[in-house]
Amino acid sequence: MPPLRLTSLLHTALPHVSDNGRALLSVLGCVNGHPPRPKELAEWLGFHDRYQLARALRREGLPPLEVIGGWARTLYWVLEAETSGVSLRELADRERVDPAVAYRLVRRVTGQRWSEVRREGLAVALLHFRDRCANGKRRVAITRQPLAVAVGDRPLRPVARPALAPPRTSGVAMRPTLRHPPGHRPVQTVGERVPIGGAPFDVALSPYGDVLVTRPHASAVDMLHRDPLRVVSTIRVGPAPTRIVPGGRSQWAYVTSQFAEAVCIVDLGRKQQVGSIPVPGHPLGAAMARDGVTLFATTNQDRVVAISSLQRTALGSAPVPLGCPELTVHPSGRWVYVPCWRAGVVVEVDASTLETTRRFDVGGVPQDVRVSSDGQTLYVANEAGWLDVIHLPSGRRTATVDFGTPAFGVALSCDERYVFVSLLTAGRVVVLQRQGLIERAAIATGGRPRLMVADPRGDALLVANEAGWVDLLR
């Protein structure tokens, strides 16, 4: 999720670049102007190697990566200095960079001393950046499909936020050991593991039983078969794919591609991308409505967008406070639940009008959300270290399970007897019995487990791990 202000400045300074150029600028904004190694950056953007990336930069009329990266870093420093008043030495110390190296970088890319750059200000620095990168030429003609934003583009109604601290004592017993009911054994261990590069983030099941995994740092979606679990195909998509949503009525799947500023359409039968749907900003999370036609997505412009998969266009959008890569649709199809990570709330959005109807103040950093099939209970994984349970008819929080370590993903077993929670930094997946929220297992996966999906074939769970693999827990 790139820092929007720096990314917007880079995009505004170079409006003539192509989609690949905008994706590169988004990556530089994401890492505050300090790009990874050229080979890693090329993979992140979907190029075969760093040489193909270098050729793409030349076609755009852009300078080499080290130059444009240096400019992005300098602009970030100027932006931070003007915003907070800190010196370049303080910025360098904060980033563990030798101040002398920082001063030389500014002098090398701008031709000026840091004091001169600061005196002229950010606006002049952006003009110099534009002149250095554009070379006075418009190399690529860009035609972008206009975004249709119609009814539903309305502000949130102000709702009084109660002072509600996450309860740490909710009467939930955390550690008793119970006998497993016959025929209902929870997952206990890592059954299979498949190495997958590119920082796997999301995992989903296609209507045909294939496993789909997004790889944000490889611009790809992997398709896996089971028995045994193995990668059978890699599908190239836009840069930084985050979430994948199988189509409800077709063999298509929809992938949010952050740096392509679009939702990619993937034909699972042909194993290739067949189109894209532009959205405002960088798309993060996505969920399909019950009709299998309307797709809901969140973007880093803090908006929830309704998309028609048939018309391939956005139907409307509405603001939400600080949206994140997760959201879910109520089983009735009437509401969409969007966690707002830095705002510490989960908003309930009317699926037909995109108007906010309720908000649940949970505190912390809410991440993944799930609703039980009966529509009664909302589960919210909180990166501040706990799981919240909300009774939707009343809107009351009925329980909190404290893990003491960041919780990220949440999933329900197919029979909904168990709740699974991934603990991001602890490298574990916790299995809770849904009735009573009693812990039944804590499975050590290692790495950084992200999102999960229950496998209906046997009591199993698929877990995407950002450290470079996918686990099948049995």
Protein backbone atom coordinates (compact mmCIF):
# COMPACT_ATOMS: atom_id res chain seq x y z
CA MET A 1 0.00 0.00 0.00
CA PRO A 2 2.12 2.93 -1.24
CA PRO A 3 2.29 6.27 0.56
CA LEU A 4 -0.35 8.06 -1.51
CA ARG A 5 1.10 11.56 -1.32
CA LEU A 6 4.53 10.71 -2.72
CA THR A 7 3.03 8.42 -5.36
CA SER A 8 0.58 11.13 -6.42
CA LEU A 9 3.40 13.66 -6.71
CA LEU A 10 5.41 11.34 -8.96
CA HIS A 11 2.38 10.57 -11.14
CA THR A 12 1.46 14.25 -11.44
CA ALA A 13 4.99 15.22 -12.42
CA LEU A 14 5.11 12.63 -15.24
CA PRO A 15 1.59 12.35 -16.69
CA HIS A 16 2.90 11.24 -20.09
CA VAL A 17 4.28 7.84 -19.05
CA SER A 18 2.59 4.56 -19.90
CA ASP A 19 1.02 2.08 -17.49
CA ASN A 20 4.42 0.44 -16.98
CA GLY A 21 5.93 3.82 -16.15
CA ARG A 22 3.16 4.58 -13.65
CA ALA A 23 3.71 1.18 -12.05
CA LEU A 24 7.42 1.94 -11.66
CA LEU A 25 6.61 5.29 -10.03
CA SER A 26 4.19 3.51 -7.70
CA VAL A 27 6.91 1.09 -6.62
CA LEU A 28 9.29 3.98 -5.95
CA GLY A 29 6.58 5.67 -3.91
CA CYS A 30 5.94 2.45 -2.03
CA VAL A 31 9.58 2.17 -0.94
CA ASN A 32 10.10 5.92 -0.41
CA GLY A 33 12.40 6.22 -3.38
CA HIS A 34 14.77 3.45 -2.31
CA PRO A 35 14.24 0.73 -4.95
CA PRO A 36 15.21 -2.89 -4.34
CA ARG A 37 17.82 -4.60 -6.47
CA PRO A 38 17.17 -4.22 -10.24
CA LYS A 39 16.46 -7.95 -10.65
CA GLU A 40 13.95 -7.94 -7.80
CA LEU A 41 12.32 -4.74 -9.05
CA ALA A 42 11.99 -6.23 -12.55
CA GLU A 43 10.19 -9.27 -11.13
CA TRP A 44 7.95 -7.03 -9.03
CA LEU A 45 6.87 -5.16 -12.18
CA GLY A 46 6.43 -8.30 -14.28
CA PHE A 47 9.54 -8.01 -16.48
CA HIS A 48 11.63 -11.06 -17.31
CA ASP A 49 14.89 -9.50 -16.14
CA ARG A 50 16.57 -6.19 -15.37
CA TYR A 51 17.62 -5.74 -19.01
CA GLN A 52 14.01 -5.75 -20.17
CA LEU A 53 13.26 -3.20 -17.45
CA ALA A 54 16.12 -0.99 -18.65
CA ARG A 55 14.83 -1.15 -22.24
CA ALA A 56 11.33 -0.21 -21.04
CA LEU A 57 12.76 2.84 -19.27
CA ARG A 58 14.54 3.93 -22.45
CA ARG A 59 11.34 3.56 -24.49
CA GLU A 60 9.58 5.79 -21.99
CA GLY A 61 12.27 8.44 -22.37
CA LEU A 62 13.12 7.98 -18.69
CA PRO A 63 16.63 8.06 -17.22
CA PRO A 64 18.25 4.89 -15.80
CA LEU A 65 16.84 3.34 -12.67
CA GLU A 66 19.55 4.68 -10.37
CA VAL A 67 18.80 8.25 -11.54
CA ILE A 68 15.01 8.12 -11.31
CA GLY A 69 15.33 6.26 -8.00
CA GLY A 70 17.67 8.95 -6.69
CA TRP A 71 15.21 11.64 -7.70
CA ALA A 72 12.34 9.83 -5.98
CA ARG A 73 14.39 9.52 -2.81
CA THR A 74 15.32 13.19 -2.91
CA LEU A 75 11.69 14.22 -3.40
CA TYR A 76 10.71 12.04 -0.46
CA TRP A 77 13.30 13.80 1.72
CA VAL A 78 12.12 17.24 0.59
CA LEU A 79 8.51 16.25 1.25
CA GLU A 80 9.37 14.99 4.74
CA ALA A 81 11.48 18.07 5.49
CA GLU A 82 8.67 20.44 4.49
CA THR A 83 6.03 18.43 6.33
CA SER A 84 7.78 17.84 9.63
CA GLY A 85 10.68 20.30 9.57
CA VAL A 86 13.37 17.64 10.08
CA SER A 87 16.85 18.01 8.64
CA LEU A 88 18.43 15.74 6.06
CA ARG A 89 20.82 14.46 8.72
CA GLU A 90 17.87 13.43 10.89
CA LEU A 91 16.18 11.75 7.93
CA ALA A 92 19.39 9.88 7.11
CA ASP A 93 19.83 8.77 10.72
CA ARG A 94 16.22 7.58 10.81
CA GLU A 95 16.83 5.45 7.72
CA ARG A 96 20.25 4.27 8.92
CA VAL A 97 22.03 5.98 6.03
CA ASP A 98 25.34 7.79 6.35
CA PRO A 99 24.45 11.53 6.19
CA ALA A 100 27.39 12.12 3.84
CA VAL A 101 25.91 9.57 1.42
CA ALA A 102 22.54 11.34 1.56
CA TYR A 103 24.06 14.75 0.86
CA ARG A 104 26.09 13.35 -2.08
CA LEU A 105 22.97 11.68 -3.52
CA VAL A 106 21.08 14.98 -3.51
CA ARG A 107 24.01 16.78 -5.15
CA ARG A 108 24.44 14.05 -7.78
CA VAL A 109 20.82 13.89 -8.98
CA THR A 110 19.88 17.59 -8.65
CA GLY A 111 23.19 19.32 -9.26
CA GLN A 112 22.49 21.42 -6.17
CA ARG A 113 23.32 21.41 -2.50
CA TRP A 114 20.64 20.28 -0.06
CA SER A 115 20.37 23.82 1.32
CA GLU A 116 19.63 25.11 -2.18
CA VAL A 117 17.02 22.42 -2.83
CA ARG A 118 15.30 23.20 0.47
CA ARG A 119 15.35 26.93 -0.24
CA GLU A 120 13.64 26.46 -3.61
CA GLY A 121 11.08 24.06 -2.17
CA LEU A 122 9.21 20.97 -3.28
CA ALA A 123 7.37 22.60 -6.21
CA VAL A 124 10.63 23.64 -7.91
CA ALA A 125 12.20 20.25 -7.20
CA LEU A 126 9.25 18.57 -8.94
CA LEU A 127 9.74 20.81 -11.98
CA HIS A 128 13.43 19.83 -12.17
CA PHE A 129 12.42 16.15 -11.80
CA ARG A 130 9.88 16.51 -14.62
CA ASP A 131 12.41 18.17 -16.93
CA ARG A 132 15.03 15.52 -16.18
CA CYS A 133 12.68 12.60 -16.82
CA ALA A 134 10.56 13.89 -19.71
CA ASN A 135 13.44 15.07 -21.91
CA GLY A 136 10.96 17.40 -23.57
CA LYS A 137 9.36 14.49 -25.45
CA ARG A 138 6.07 12.67 -25.21
CA ARG A 139 7.20 9.16 -26.10
CA VAL A 140 4.01 7.23 -25.36
CA ALA A 141 0.46 8.17 -26.28
CA ILE A 142 -1.84 7.09 -23.48
CA THR A 143 -5.56 6.51 -23.79
CA ARG A 144 -7.27 5.59 -20.59
CA GLN A 145 -10.78 4.30 -20.26
CA PRO A 146 -12.83 6.89 -18.35
CA LEU A 147 -14.09 5.82 -14.97
CA ALA A 148 -17.87 5.81 -14.65
CA VAL A 149 -18.81 7.06 -11.20
CA ALA A 150 -22.55 7.40 -10.82
CA VAL A 151 -25.03 7.13 -7.99
CA GLY A 152 -23.61 6.04 -4.69
CA ASP A 153 -20.70 8.48 -4.82
CA ARG A 154 -21.65 10.13 -1.57
CA PRO A 155 -19.90 11.00 1.68
CA LEU A 156 -20.22 8.97 4.82
CA ARG A 157 -22.78 10.11 7.31
CA PRO A 158 -21.08 11.34 10.49
CA VAL A 159 -21.48 8.83 13.27
CA ALA A 160 -20.49 9.50 16.85
CA ARG A 161 -17.59 7.27 17.80
CA PRO A 162 -17.97 5.86 21.31
CA ALA A 163 -14.96 5.46 23.53
CA LEU A 164 -14.73 1.70 23.31
CA ALA A 165 -11.52 0.04 24.36
CA PRO A 166 -10.99 -3.55 23.27
CA PRO A 167 -11.93 -5.68 26.25
CA ARG A 168 -9.16 -7.96 27.40
CA THR A 169 -11.29 -9.91 29.82
CA SER A 170 -14.27 -11.26 27.95
CA GLY A 171 -14.79 -14.50 29.80
CA VAL A 172 -13.08 -16.47 27.04
CA ALA A 173 -10.99 -19.38 28.24
CA MET A 174 -7.88 -19.57 26.11
CA ARG A 175 -6.04 -22.77 26.82
CA PRO A 176 -8.22 -25.70 27.99
CA THR A 177 -7.65 -28.98 26.20
CA LEU A 178 -10.78 -30.76 25.02
CA ARG A 179 -11.42 -34.10 23.41
CA HIS A 180 -12.26 -33.85 19.74
CA PRO A 181 -15.85 -34.75 18.85
CA PRO A 182 -15.95 -37.92 16.75
CA GLY A 183 -15.67 -37.12 13.03
CA HIS A 184 -14.82 -33.48 13.62
CA ARG A 185 -11.07 -33.32 14.12
CA PRO A 186 -9.60 -29.81 13.72
CA VAL A 187 -6.50 -29.27 11.61
CA GLN A 188 -3.41 -30.04 13.65
CA THR A 189 -0.28 -29.82 11.54
CA VAL A 190 1.34 -28.81 8.26
CA GLY A 191 0.43 -31.59 5.85
CA GLU A 192 2.03 -30.27 2.64
CA ARG A 193 4.14 -27.27 1.67
CA VAL A 194 4.86 -25.83 -1.78
CA PRO A 195 7.62 -23.22 -2.24
CA ILE A 196 6.35 -20.16 -4.14
CA GLY A 197 8.34 -16.97 -4.65
CA GLY A 198 7.08 -13.44 -4.94
CA ALA A 199 5.70 -13.02 -1.40
CA PRO A 200 2.40 -14.98 -1.60
CA PHE A 201 -0.44 -12.97 -0.10
CA ASP A 202 -3.88 -14.35 -0.95
CA VAL A 203 -5.14 -17.86 -1.63
CA ALA A 204 -8.51 -18.88 -3.09
CA LEU A 205 -10.25 -21.89 -4.62
CA SER A 206 -11.56 -21.80 -8.19
CA PRO A 207 -14.94 -23.34 -9.06
CA TYR A 208 -12.99 -26.25 -10.55
CA GLY A 209 -11.09 -27.00 -7.36
CA ASP A 210 -7.77 -25.41 -8.36
CA VAL A 211 -5.84 -23.38 -5.78
CA LEU A 212 -5.08 -19.78 -6.81
CA VAL A 213 -2.30 -17.78 -5.15
CA THR A 214 -1.38 -14.11 -5.69
CA ARG A 215 2.32 -13.19 -5.81
CA PRO A 216 2.62 -9.39 -5.28
CA HIS A 217 6.38 -9.26 -5.92
CA ALA A 218 6.21 -11.30 -9.12
CA SER A 219 3.20 -9.78 -10.97
CA ALA A 220 1.71 -13.24 -11.19
CA VAL A 221 -0.97 -15.63 -10.01
CA ASP A 222 -0.02 -19.28 -9.55
CA MET A 223 -2.46 -22.10 -10.15
CA LEU A 224 -1.95 -25.21 -8.01
CA HIS A 225 -3.35 -28.72 -8.22
CA ARG A 226 -3.78 -30.98 -5.21
CA ASP A 227 -2.95 -34.63 -4.46
CA PRO A 228 -0.12 -33.75 -4.22
CA LEU A 229 -0.12 -29.98 -3.88
CA ARG A 230 1.97 -28.56 -6.73
CA VAL A 231 2.23 -25.54 -9.04
CA VAL A 232 0.95 -26.33 -12.53
CA SER A 233 0.70 -22.89 -14.12
CA THR A 234 1.79 -19.28 -13.67
CA ILE A 235 -0.45 -16.49 -15.02
CA ARG A 236 1.05 -13.07 -15.64
CA VAL A 237 -1.06 -10.16 -14.37
CA GLY A 238 -0.54 -6.50 -13.51
CA PRO A 239 2.07 -5.36 -10.97
CA ALA A 240 1.50 -6.03 -7.25
CA PRO A 241 -1.52 -8.38 -7.38
CA THR A 242 -3.09 -8.51 -3.92
CA ARG A 243 -6.47 -10.27 -3.81
CA ILE A 244 -8.00 -12.84 -6.15
CA VAL A 245 -11.75 -13.46 -6.40
CA PRO A 246 -13.05 -16.35 -8.55
CA GLY A 247 -16.03 -15.34 -10.69
CA GLY A 248 -19.31 -16.72 -9.49
CA ARG A 249 -20.75 -17.54 -12.92
CA SER A 250 -17.76 -18.07 -15.18
CA GLN A 251 -14.26 -19.43 -15.40
CA TRP A 252 -12.91 -15.92 -14.87
CA ALA A 253 -11.19 -14.63 -11.76
CA TYR A 254 -10.64 -11.03 -10.72
CA VAL A 255 -7.28 -9.85 -9.35
CA THR A 256 -6.65 -6.49 -7.72
CA SER A 257 -3.43 -5.15 -9.25
CA GLN A 258 -2.27 -2.24 -7.13
CA PHE A 259 0.25 -0.62 -9.43
CA ALA A 260 -1.78 -1.23 -12.61
CA GLU A 261 -4.58 0.81 -10.98
CA ALA A 262 -7.01 -1.79 -12.24
CA VAL A 263 -8.71 -5.08 -11.49
CA CYS A 264 -7.28 -7.71 -13.85
CA ILE A 265 -9.60 -10.26 -15.47
CA VAL A 266 -8.05 -13.73 -15.69
CA ASP A 267 -9.42 -16.59 -17.80
CA LEU A 268 -8.67 -19.66 -15.70
CA GLY A 269 -9.37 -22.01 -18.60
CA ARG A 270 -6.96 -20.28 -20.98
CA LYS A 271 -4.62 -19.41 -18.10
CA GLN A 272 -4.06 -15.81 -19.14
CA GLN A 273 -5.19 -12.27 -18.44
CA VAL A 274 -7.94 -11.26 -20.86
CA GLY A 275 -8.77 -7.75 -19.73
CA SER A 276 -8.78 -5.18 -16.94
CA ILE A 277 -11.15 -2.77 -15.24
CA PRO A 278 -9.70 0.63 -14.22
CA VAL A 279 -10.48 1.89 -10.73
CA PRO A 280 -9.69 5.15 -8.90
CA GLY A 281 -6.34 4.64 -7.17
CA HIS A 282 -4.60 1.40 -6.33
CA PRO A 283 -7.06 -1.48 -5.72
CA LEU A 284 -6.40 -3.46 -2.55
CA GLY A 285 -9.21 -5.75 -1.39
CA ALA A 286 -12.05 -7.34 -3.35
CA ALA A 287 -15.13 -9.48 -2.75
CA MET A 288 -17.85 -10.77 -5.09
CA ALA A 289 -21.54 -10.10 -4.47
CA ARG A 290 -23.96 -13.00 -4.28
CA ASP A 291 -25.18 -12.28 -7.83
CA GLY A 292 -21.76 -13.16 -9.19
CA VAL A 293 -21.78 -9.97 -11.24
CA THR A 294 -20.98 -7.06 -8.90
CA LEU A 295 -17.48 -6.90 -7.52
CA PHE A 296 -16.66 -4.69 -4.54
CA ALA A 297 -13.11 -3.35 -4.14
CA THR A 298 -11.23 -0.96 -1.88
CA THR A 299 -8.51 1.42 -3.06
CA ASN A 300 -5.75 3.43 -1.46
CA GLN A 301 -7.77 6.56 -2.12
CA ASP A 302 -9.85 5.32 0.83
CA ARG A 303 -12.86 4.41 -1.27
CA VAL A 304 -15.03 1.35 -1.73
CA VAL A 305 -15.92 0.81 -5.38
CA ALA A 306 -18.76 -1.20 -6.94
CA ILE A 307 -17.70 -2.77 -10.26
CA SER A 308 -19.82 -4.46 -12.92
CA SER A 309 -17.95 -7.52 -14.14
CA LEU A 310 -20.23 -7.67 -17.21
CA GLN A 311 -19.80 -4.04 -18.28
CA ARG A 312 -16.18 -3.98 -17.09
CA THR A 313 -16.56 -0.59 -15.47
CA ALA A 314 -16.96 0.98 -12.05
CA LEU A 315 -20.59 1.73 -11.25
CA GLY A 316 -20.01 3.93 -8.23
CA SER A 317 -17.78 4.61 -5.27
CA ALA A 318 -17.98 6.04 -1.77
CA PRO A 319 -15.39 7.12 0.80
CA VAL A 320 -14.37 4.92 3.71
CA PRO A 321 -11.85 5.90 6.41
CA LEU A 322 -8.48 4.32 5.59
CA GLY A 323 -9.51 1.12 3.82
CA CYS A 324 -7.27 -1.96 3.74
CA PRO A 325 -6.81 -5.07 1.54
CA GLU A 326 -9.67 -7.02 3.18
CA LEU A 327 -13.45 -6.86 2.98
CA THR A 328 -16.34 -9.32 2.92
CA VAL A 329 -19.98 -9.48 1.81
CA HIS A 330 -22.85 -10.45 4.12
CA PRO A 331 -24.48 -13.80 3.16
CA SER A 332 -27.72 -11.95 2.42
CA GLY A 333 -25.89 -9.75 -0.08
CA ARG A 334 -27.29 -6.58 1.52
CA TRP A 335 -24.12 -5.31 3.20
CA VAL A 336 -20.38 -5.12 2.70
CA TYR A 337 -18.03 -5.01 5.69
CA VAL A 338 -14.86 -2.97 5.21
CA PRO A 339 -12.14 -2.88 7.90
CA CYS A 340 -10.44 0.50 8.15
CA TRP A 341 -7.07 -0.37 9.55
CA ARG A 342 -5.63 2.91 10.85
CA ALA A 343 -9.03 4.26 11.87
CA GLY A 344 -9.68 1.26 14.14
CA VAL A 345 -13.20 0.71 12.80
CA VAL A 346 -15.15 -1.68 10.58
CA VAL A 347 -17.81 0.02 8.47
CA GLU A 348 -20.99 -1.61 7.24
CA VAL A 349 -21.81 -0.40 3.71
CA ASP A 350 -25.15 -0.84 1.95
CA ALA A 351 -24.37 -2.99 -1.11
CA SER A 352 -26.91 -1.23 -3.35
CA THR A 353 -26.19 2.42 -2.48
CA LEU A 354 -22.67 2.25 -1.00
CA GLU A 355 -23.95 4.32 1.90
CA THR A 356 -22.44 3.58 5.30
CA THR A 357 -25.14 2.24 7.62
CA ARG A 358 -23.12 1.38 10.74
CA ARG A 359 -19.60 1.41 12.07
CA PHE A 360 -18.06 -0.80 14.71
CA ASP A 361 -15.29 0.77 16.76
CA VAL A 362 -12.94 -2.09 17.56
CA GLY A 363 -9.73 -0.12 18.08
CA GLY A 364 -6.30 -1.33 17.11
CA VAL A 365 -5.59 -2.21 13.48
CA PRO A 366 -8.47 -4.29 12.06
CA GLN A 367 -7.46 -6.48 9.15
CA ASP A 368 -9.27 -9.54 7.76
CA VAL A 369 -13.01 -10.02 8.37
CA ARG A 370 -15.44 -12.94 7.98
CA VAL A 371 -19.18 -13.33 8.47
CA SER A 372 -20.74 -16.65 9.50
CA SER A 373 -23.12 -18.22 6.99
CA ASP A 374 -26.13 -17.46 9.18
CA GLY A 375 -25.26 -13.76 9.00
CA GLN A 376 -25.23 -13.40 12.79
CA THR A 377 -21.54 -13.09 13.64
CA LEU A 378 -18.67 -10.98 12.32
CA TYR A 379 -15.10 -12.03 13.09
CA VAL A 380 -12.38 -9.35 12.90
CA ALA A 381 -8.66 -10.18 13.06
CA ASN A 382 -6.78 -7.27 14.61
CA GLU A 383 -3.10 -6.61 13.95
CA ALA A 384 -2.88 -5.03 17.40
CA GLY A 385 -3.07 -8.58 18.77
CA TRP A 386 -6.60 -9.91 19.13
CA LEU A 387 -9.73 -11.32 17.49
CA ASP A 388 -13.07 -9.51 17.92
CA VAL A 389 -16.45 -11.22 17.72
CA ILE A 390 -19.39 -8.93 16.87
CA HIS A 391 -23.07 -9.90 17.08
CA LEU A 392 -24.41 -8.24 13.91
CA PRO A 393 -28.14 -7.98 14.78
CA SER A 394 -27.32 -5.95 17.89
CA GLY A 395 -23.99 -4.49 16.79
CA ARG A 396 -22.41 -5.46 20.12
CA ARG A 397 -18.98 -6.95 20.57
CA THR A 398 -19.60 -10.19 22.43
CA ALA A 399 -16.07 -11.53 22.87
CA THR A 400 -12.39 -10.81 22.35
CA VAL A 401 -9.60 -13.37 22.16
CA ASP A 402 -6.22 -11.86 23.01
CA PHE A 403 -3.17 -13.40 21.30
CA GLY A 404 -0.53 -10.90 22.37
CA THR A 405 0.87 -10.84 18.82
CA PRO A 406 -0.43 -9.39 15.52
CA ALA A 407 -3.40 -11.28 14.04
CA PHE A 408 -3.90 -10.84 10.31
CA GLY A 409 -6.08 -13.41 8.52
CA VAL A 410 -9.28 -15.06 9.69
CA ALA A 411 -11.23 -17.95 8.13
CA LEU A 412 -13.99 -20.36 9.05
CA SER A 413 -13.93 -24.10 8.47
CA CYS A 414 -16.39 -25.41 5.90
CA ASP A 415 -18.68 -26.75 8.64
CA GLU A 416 -18.07 -23.53 10.64
CA ARG A 417 -17.11 -25.44 13.76
CA TYR A 418 -13.71 -23.76 13.87
CA VAL A 419 -12.23 -20.29 13.44
CA PHE A 420 -8.71 -19.99 12.05
CA VAL A 421 -6.51 -16.97 12.79
CA SER A 422 -3.08 -16.34 11.26
CA LEU A 423 -0.55 -14.69 13.57
CA LEU A 424 1.62 -12.66 11.22
CA THR A 425 4.86 -12.14 13.13
CA ALA A 426 4.62 -15.24 15.34
CA GLY A 427 4.50 -17.60 12.35
CA ARG A 428 1.50 -19.55 13.67
CA VAL A 429 -2.09 -20.38 12.80
CA VAL A 430 -4.42 -20.73 15.78
CA VAL A 431 -7.46 -23.01 15.60
CA LEU A 432 -10.37 -21.94 17.83
CA GLN A 433 -13.50 -23.93 18.47
CA ARG A 434 -16.21 -21.53 17.40
CA GLN A 435 -18.50 -22.45 20.27
CA GLY A 436 -16.83 -20.88 23.28
CA LEU A 437 -13.78 -19.73 21.27
CA ILE A 438 -11.60 -22.35 22.92
CA GLU A 439 -8.17 -22.88 21.45
CA ARG A 440 -7.84 -26.35 19.95
CA ALA A 441 -4.46 -26.08 18.21
CA ALA A 442 -1.61 -23.68 17.48
CA ILE A 443 0.19 -24.75 14.29
CA ALA A 444 3.72 -23.47 13.71
CA THR A 445 4.02 -22.49 10.04
CA GLY A 446 7.02 -20.19 10.37
CA GLY A 447 7.43 -17.21 8.09
CA ARG A 448 4.61 -14.68 7.81
CA PRO A 449 1.24 -16.37 7.30
CA ARG A 450 -1.19 -14.07 5.52
CA LEU A 451 -4.63 -14.99 4.14
CA MET A 452 -6.28 -18.42 4.28
CA VAL A 453 -9.12 -20.43 2.78
CA ALA A 454 -10.79 -23.61 4.02
CA ASP A 455 -10.48 -26.63 1.74
CA PRO A 456 -13.80 -28.52 1.52
CA ARG A 457 -12.02 -31.73 0.55
CA GLY A 458 -11.27 -33.01 4.00
CA ASP A 459 -10.87 -30.85 7.07
CA ALA A 460 -7.98 -28.81 5.66
CA LEU A 461 -6.81 -25.21 5.40
CA LEU A 462 -4.68 -23.48 2.75
CA VAL A 463 -2.42 -20.68 4.01
CA ALA A 464 -0.45 -18.19 1.89
CA ASN A 465 2.86 -17.38 3.53
CA GLU A 466 4.67 -14.18 2.58
CA ALA A 467 8.03 -15.80 3.36
CA GLY A 468 7.73 -17.85 0.17
CA TRP A 469 5.38 -20.83 0.34
CA VAL A 470 1.83 -22.15 0.63
CA ASP A 471 0.88 -24.60 3.38
CA LEU A 472 -1.89 -27.18 3.42
CA LEU A 473 -2.83 -27.73 7.05
CA ARG A 474 -4.59 -30.97 7.95
